[in-house]
Amino acid sequence: MYRTSASEMVWHFSKGFRSLHQRKIILTLSEAIYKMTQLPATTLVLADRGSLEEGMVANVVIFNPDQVIDKATFEAPHQYPEGIDYVIINGQLAVDNGIYKDVRSGVVLRKELGNI
C-alpha cells in the first residue's frame, strides 16, 4: 500500500490554503478549512474523516494562517512551506515544531477497500 509522506500532505495543504484563503481573500479561514476537510470527506463519503471528533482518523495540521507560505515552484518543487508547525497523520506526529520527520503514515483510499 502506498503511504504519503508528511511533506506531501503539508505541500497540498499549503497550496490549497494559499489558493483558497490568502490569495483570493474571498473565503474566511473557517470556509477555507471546511473546503479542504469536511467538504471533500462528505462528498467522497469518507465517514471517518473530515472533522475532529472521537473515533475519526486523526489528520491534523496546526498552523499560523498569517505565516503560511508555499515555497515550492515548478523549478524547485521539493521545498517545504513555512508557517506549518505541526502535522499529525493517522495519529502519528509527522511535523514537529516545523521540522519534518520521515513518517509515512498516510494511506491512499481505494474504492475497492471500502473506503470510498
N, C-alpha and C. Protein backbone atom coordinates (compact mmCIF):
# COMPACT_ATOMS: atom_id res chain seq x y z
N MET A 1 0.84 -1.18 0.00
CA MET A 1 0.00 0.00 0.00
C MET A 1 0.89 1.24 0.00
N TYR A 2 0.57 2.20 -0.83
CA TYR A 2 1.33 3.44 -0.93
C TYR A 2 1.04 4.31 0.28
N ARG A 3 2.07 4.84 0.89
CA ARG A 3 1.90 5.75 2.02
C ARG A 3 2.42 7.12 1.64
N THR A 4 1.72 8.15 2.07
CA THR A 4 2.15 9.50 1.77
C THR A 4 3.07 10.01 2.86
N SER A 5 3.94 10.90 2.49
CA SER A 5 4.86 11.48 3.46
C SER A 5 4.26 12.76 4.04
N ALA A 6 4.85 13.19 5.14
CA ALA A 6 4.41 14.44 5.76
C ALA A 6 4.60 15.60 4.80
N SER A 7 5.70 15.58 4.05
CA SER A 7 5.96 16.70 3.15
C SER A 7 4.90 16.78 2.06
N GLU A 8 4.40 15.64 1.57
CA GLU A 8 3.34 15.66 0.56
C GLU A 8 2.06 16.24 1.13
N MET A 9 1.69 15.82 2.33
CA MET A 9 0.46 16.32 2.94
C MET A 9 0.56 17.82 3.20
N VAL A 10 1.68 18.26 3.74
CA VAL A 10 1.85 19.67 4.06
C VAL A 10 1.89 20.51 2.79
N TRP A 11 2.53 20.01 1.73
CA TRP A 11 2.59 20.75 0.47
C TRP A 11 1.18 20.97 -0.06
N HIS A 12 0.35 19.91 -0.08
CA HIS A 12 -1.01 20.05 -0.58
C HIS A 12 -1.81 21.01 0.29
N PHE A 13 -1.64 20.94 1.60
CA PHE A 13 -2.36 21.84 2.49
C PHE A 13 -1.96 23.28 2.23
N SER A 14 -0.65 23.55 2.15
CA SER A 14 -0.21 24.94 1.98
C SER A 14 -0.67 25.50 0.64
N LYS A 15 -0.61 24.70 -0.42
CA LYS A 15 -1.09 25.16 -1.74
C LYS A 15 -2.58 25.46 -1.69
N GLY A 16 -3.35 24.54 -1.11
CA GLY A 16 -4.79 24.73 -1.03
C GLY A 16 -5.15 25.92 -0.16
N PHE A 17 -4.49 26.04 0.98
CA PHE A 17 -4.79 27.14 1.89
C PHE A 17 -4.48 28.47 1.23
N ARG A 18 -3.33 28.55 0.59
CA ARG A 18 -2.94 29.81 -0.07
C ARG A 18 -3.93 30.16 -1.17
N SER A 19 -4.34 29.18 -1.96
CA SER A 19 -5.29 29.43 -3.05
C SER A 19 -6.66 29.83 -2.53
N LEU A 20 -7.13 29.13 -1.51
CA LEU A 20 -8.49 29.36 -1.03
C LEU A 20 -8.63 30.55 -0.10
N HIS A 21 -7.60 30.90 0.63
CA HIS A 21 -7.76 31.94 1.64
C HIS A 21 -6.86 33.15 1.40
N GLN A 22 -5.57 32.94 1.28
CA GLN A 22 -4.66 34.08 1.24
C GLN A 22 -4.72 34.85 -0.07
N ARG A 23 -4.69 34.18 -1.18
CA ARG A 23 -4.62 34.89 -2.47
C ARG A 23 -5.94 35.54 -2.86
N LYS A 24 -7.02 34.82 -2.70
CA LYS A 24 -8.29 35.31 -3.23
C LYS A 24 -9.07 36.15 -2.23
N ILE A 25 -8.81 35.97 -0.96
CA ILE A 25 -9.47 36.73 0.09
C ILE A 25 -11.00 36.70 -0.06
N ILE A 26 -11.52 35.66 -0.67
CA ILE A 26 -12.97 35.56 -0.82
C ILE A 26 -13.57 34.58 0.18
N LEU A 27 -12.71 33.84 0.87
CA LEU A 27 -13.18 32.90 1.87
C LEU A 27 -12.63 33.27 3.23
N THR A 28 -13.44 33.04 4.24
CA THR A 28 -12.93 33.20 5.60
C THR A 28 -12.02 32.01 5.90
N LEU A 29 -11.29 32.10 6.99
CA LEU A 29 -10.44 31.00 7.42
C LEU A 29 -11.27 29.74 7.63
N SER A 30 -12.41 29.87 8.28
CA SER A 30 -13.29 28.71 8.52
C SER A 30 -13.77 28.09 7.22
N GLU A 31 -14.13 28.92 6.25
CA GLU A 31 -14.60 28.41 4.96
C GLU A 31 -13.48 27.68 4.21
N ALA A 32 -12.27 28.24 4.24
CA ALA A 32 -11.13 27.61 3.56
C ALA A 32 -10.83 26.24 4.18
N ILE A 33 -10.84 26.16 5.50
CA ILE A 33 -10.57 24.88 6.17
C ILE A 33 -11.68 23.88 5.86
N TYR A 34 -12.92 24.32 5.89
CA TYR A 34 -14.05 23.45 5.55
C TYR A 34 -13.89 22.86 4.15
N LYS A 35 -13.50 23.69 3.18
CA LYS A 35 -13.37 23.23 1.80
C LYS A 35 -12.21 22.25 1.62
N MET A 36 -11.26 22.22 2.56
CA MET A 36 -10.13 21.29 2.46
C MET A 36 -10.30 20.08 3.37
N THR A 37 -11.35 20.05 4.18
CA THR A 37 -11.50 18.95 5.14
C THR A 37 -12.87 18.29 5.04
N GLN A 38 -13.86 18.90 5.64
CA GLN A 38 -15.17 18.28 5.75
C GLN A 38 -15.89 18.16 4.40
N LEU A 39 -15.78 19.14 3.54
CA LEU A 39 -16.46 19.08 2.24
C LEU A 39 -15.99 17.89 1.40
N PRO A 40 -14.66 17.70 1.19
CA PRO A 40 -14.26 16.53 0.40
C PRO A 40 -14.60 15.21 1.09
N ALA A 41 -14.49 15.17 2.42
CA ALA A 41 -14.83 13.93 3.13
C ALA A 41 -16.30 13.59 2.95
N THR A 42 -17.15 14.59 3.02
CA THR A 42 -18.59 14.37 2.82
C THR A 42 -18.89 13.99 1.38
N THR A 43 -18.29 14.69 0.44
CA THR A 43 -18.51 14.42 -0.98
C THR A 43 -18.10 13.00 -1.36
N LEU A 44 -16.97 12.54 -0.80
CA LEU A 44 -16.46 11.21 -1.12
C LEU A 44 -16.97 10.13 -0.16
N VAL A 45 -17.88 10.51 0.72
CA VAL A 45 -18.50 9.60 1.70
C VAL A 45 -17.42 8.90 2.53
N LEU A 46 -16.51 9.69 3.07
CA LEU A 46 -15.48 9.18 3.97
C LEU A 46 -15.96 9.41 5.40
N ALA A 47 -16.67 8.45 5.92
CA ALA A 47 -17.37 8.62 7.19
C ALA A 47 -16.44 8.86 8.37
N ASP A 48 -15.18 8.41 8.29
CA ASP A 48 -14.28 8.55 9.43
C ASP A 48 -13.28 9.69 9.26
N ARG A 49 -13.57 10.64 8.36
CA ARG A 49 -12.65 11.74 8.09
C ARG A 49 -13.41 13.05 7.93
N GLY A 50 -12.67 14.15 8.06
CA GLY A 50 -13.26 15.45 7.75
C GLY A 50 -13.56 16.33 8.94
N SER A 51 -13.54 15.78 10.15
CA SER A 51 -13.78 16.61 11.33
C SER A 51 -13.02 16.04 12.52
N LEU A 52 -12.82 16.88 13.52
CA LEU A 52 -12.12 16.45 14.73
C LEU A 52 -13.14 15.96 15.75
N GLU A 53 -13.32 14.66 15.79
CA GLU A 53 -14.25 14.04 16.72
C GLU A 53 -13.67 12.71 17.18
N GLU A 54 -14.13 12.25 18.31
CA GLU A 54 -13.69 10.95 18.81
C GLU A 54 -14.07 9.87 17.80
N GLY A 55 -13.12 8.97 17.53
CA GLY A 55 -13.34 7.88 16.60
C GLY A 55 -13.00 8.19 15.15
N MET A 56 -12.68 9.44 14.86
CA MET A 56 -12.32 9.83 13.50
C MET A 56 -10.82 9.64 13.29
N VAL A 57 -10.40 9.52 12.02
CA VAL A 57 -8.98 9.44 11.69
C VAL A 57 -8.33 10.76 12.07
N ALA A 58 -7.20 10.68 12.77
CA ALA A 58 -6.55 11.89 13.28
C ALA A 58 -5.55 12.44 12.27
N ASN A 59 -6.04 13.27 11.35
CA ASN A 59 -5.19 14.02 10.43
C ASN A 59 -5.36 15.49 10.80
N VAL A 60 -4.31 16.09 11.34
CA VAL A 60 -4.41 17.45 11.88
C VAL A 60 -3.23 18.27 11.40
N VAL A 61 -3.49 19.51 11.00
CA VAL A 61 -2.44 20.46 10.65
C VAL A 61 -2.59 21.66 11.58
N ILE A 62 -1.52 21.98 12.31
CA ILE A 62 -1.53 23.13 13.21
C ILE A 62 -0.64 24.19 12.58
N PHE A 63 -1.22 25.36 12.34
CA PHE A 63 -0.50 26.38 11.57
C PHE A 63 -0.90 27.77 12.00
N ASN A 64 -0.08 28.74 11.59
CA ASN A 64 -0.39 30.15 11.78
C ASN A 64 -0.86 30.67 10.43
N PRO A 65 -2.14 31.01 10.29
CA PRO A 65 -2.66 31.40 8.98
C PRO A 65 -1.97 32.62 8.36
N ASP A 66 -1.39 33.46 9.18
CA ASP A 66 -0.72 34.65 8.66
C ASP A 66 0.70 34.35 8.17
N GLN A 67 1.20 33.15 8.47
CA GLN A 67 2.58 32.83 8.10
C GLN A 67 2.70 31.68 7.11
N VAL A 68 1.59 31.12 6.63
CA VAL A 68 1.68 30.01 5.68
C VAL A 68 2.14 30.54 4.33
N ILE A 69 3.27 30.01 3.88
CA ILE A 69 3.83 30.39 2.59
C ILE A 69 4.26 29.12 1.88
N ASP A 70 3.68 28.86 0.72
CA ASP A 70 4.12 27.71 -0.07
C ASP A 70 5.32 28.15 -0.90
N LYS A 71 6.45 27.54 -0.65
CA LYS A 71 7.70 27.93 -1.30
C LYS A 71 8.00 27.11 -2.55
N ALA A 72 7.26 26.03 -2.77
CA ALA A 72 7.52 25.17 -3.93
C ALA A 72 7.13 25.89 -5.22
N THR A 73 7.94 25.66 -6.24
CA THR A 73 7.68 26.20 -7.57
C THR A 73 7.84 25.07 -8.57
N PHE A 74 7.53 25.33 -9.83
CA PHE A 74 7.75 24.30 -10.85
C PHE A 74 9.24 24.01 -11.00
N GLU A 75 10.07 25.02 -10.84
CA GLU A 75 11.51 24.85 -10.96
C GLU A 75 12.11 24.13 -9.76
N ALA A 76 11.55 24.37 -8.57
CA ALA A 76 12.05 23.76 -7.33
C ALA A 76 10.86 23.23 -6.54
N PRO A 77 10.30 22.08 -6.95
CA PRO A 77 9.06 21.59 -6.35
C PRO A 77 9.20 20.99 -4.96
N HIS A 78 10.39 20.65 -4.53
CA HIS A 78 10.56 19.96 -3.25
C HIS A 78 10.98 20.92 -2.14
N GLN A 79 10.25 22.00 -2.00
CA GLN A 79 10.51 22.99 -0.95
C GLN A 79 9.41 22.89 0.09
N TYR A 80 9.79 22.85 1.35
CA TYR A 80 8.79 22.81 2.41
C TYR A 80 8.16 24.19 2.59
N PRO A 81 6.87 24.24 2.89
CA PRO A 81 6.23 25.53 3.16
C PRO A 81 6.64 26.05 4.53
N GLU A 82 6.39 27.31 4.75
CA GLU A 82 6.63 27.93 6.06
C GLU A 82 5.29 28.13 6.75
N GLY A 83 5.33 28.25 8.07
CA GLY A 83 4.13 28.57 8.84
C GLY A 83 3.32 27.37 9.29
N ILE A 84 3.78 26.17 8.98
CA ILE A 84 3.08 24.96 9.41
C ILE A 84 3.94 24.31 10.49
N ASP A 85 3.44 24.39 11.73
CA ASP A 85 4.24 23.97 12.88
C ASP A 85 4.15 22.49 13.20
N TYR A 86 2.94 21.94 13.12
CA TYR A 86 2.74 20.53 13.49
C TYR A 86 1.79 19.87 12.50
N VAL A 87 2.07 18.61 12.18
CA VAL A 87 1.17 17.81 11.35
C VAL A 87 1.07 16.43 12.00
N ILE A 88 -0.15 15.98 12.16
CA ILE A 88 -0.42 14.64 12.68
C ILE A 88 -1.16 13.88 11.59
N ILE A 89 -0.60 12.75 11.16
CA ILE A 89 -1.21 11.94 10.11
C ILE A 89 -1.53 10.58 10.70
N ASN A 90 -2.81 10.22 10.67
CA ASN A 90 -3.26 8.95 11.25
C ASN A 90 -2.72 8.75 12.66
N GLY A 91 -2.71 9.83 13.42
CA GLY A 91 -2.30 9.76 14.81
C GLY A 91 -0.80 9.82 15.06
N GLN A 92 0.01 9.92 14.01
CA GLN A 92 1.47 9.97 14.17
C GLN A 92 1.98 11.38 13.85
N LEU A 93 2.84 11.89 14.72
CA LEU A 93 3.42 13.22 14.53
C LEU A 93 4.39 13.18 13.35
N ALA A 94 4.09 13.94 12.31
CA ALA A 94 4.89 13.94 11.09
C ALA A 94 5.70 15.22 10.92
N VAL A 95 5.22 16.32 11.47
CA VAL A 95 5.97 17.57 11.51
C VAL A 95 5.93 18.03 12.95
N ASP A 96 7.10 18.25 13.52
CA ASP A 96 7.22 18.60 14.93
C ASP A 96 7.93 19.94 15.05
N ASN A 97 7.17 20.97 15.42
CA ASN A 97 7.71 22.33 15.57
C ASN A 97 8.42 22.78 14.28
N GLY A 98 7.78 22.50 13.15
CA GLY A 98 8.30 22.91 11.85
C GLY A 98 9.36 21.99 11.26
N ILE A 99 9.73 20.95 11.98
CA ILE A 99 10.74 20.01 11.50
C ILE A 99 10.05 18.77 10.95
N TYR A 100 10.32 18.46 9.69
CA TYR A 100 9.69 17.34 9.02
C TYR A 100 10.37 16.04 9.41
N LYS A 101 9.56 15.07 9.84
CA LYS A 101 10.07 13.76 10.21
C LYS A 101 9.81 12.81 9.04
N ASP A 102 10.58 11.77 8.95
CA ASP A 102 10.39 10.80 7.87
C ASP A 102 9.30 9.81 8.28
N VAL A 103 8.07 10.30 8.29
CA VAL A 103 6.92 9.49 8.68
C VAL A 103 6.02 9.30 7.47
N ARG A 104 5.69 8.08 7.17
CA ARG A 104 4.79 7.79 6.05
C ARG A 104 3.57 7.04 6.59
N SER A 105 2.75 7.77 7.32
CA SER A 105 1.60 7.14 7.95
C SER A 105 0.30 7.40 7.21
N GLY A 106 0.33 8.19 6.15
CA GLY A 106 -0.86 8.41 5.34
C GLY A 106 -1.13 7.21 4.46
N VAL A 107 -2.36 7.04 4.05
CA VAL A 107 -2.72 5.92 3.18
C VAL A 107 -3.56 6.42 2.01
N VAL A 108 -3.44 5.72 0.90
CA VAL A 108 -4.28 6.01 -0.26
C VAL A 108 -5.62 5.33 -0.04
N LEU A 109 -6.69 6.06 -0.24
CA LEU A 109 -8.02 5.49 -0.07
C LEU A 109 -8.48 4.91 -1.39
N ARG A 110 -8.87 3.66 -1.37
CA ARG A 110 -9.29 2.98 -2.59
C ARG A 110 -10.73 2.51 -2.46
N LYS A 111 -11.47 2.66 -3.52
CA LYS A 111 -12.87 2.25 -3.51
C LYS A 111 -13.02 0.77 -3.22
N GLU A 112 -12.14 -0.06 -3.80
CA GLU A 112 -12.27 -1.50 -3.61
C GLU A 112 -12.00 -1.94 -2.18
N LEU A 113 -11.36 -1.07 -1.38
CA LEU A 113 -11.12 -1.39 0.02
C LEU A 113 -12.29 -0.97 0.91
N GLY A 114 -13.30 -0.38 0.30
CA GLY A 114 -14.46 0.04 1.06
C GLY A 114 -14.31 1.41 1.70
N ASN A 115 -13.23 2.13 1.36
CA ASN A 115 -13.03 3.45 1.94
C ASN A 115 -13.88 4.51 1.26
N ILE A 116 -14.13 4.34 -0.03
CA ILE A 116 -14.87 5.37 -0.77
C ILE A 116 -16.13 4.74 -1.32
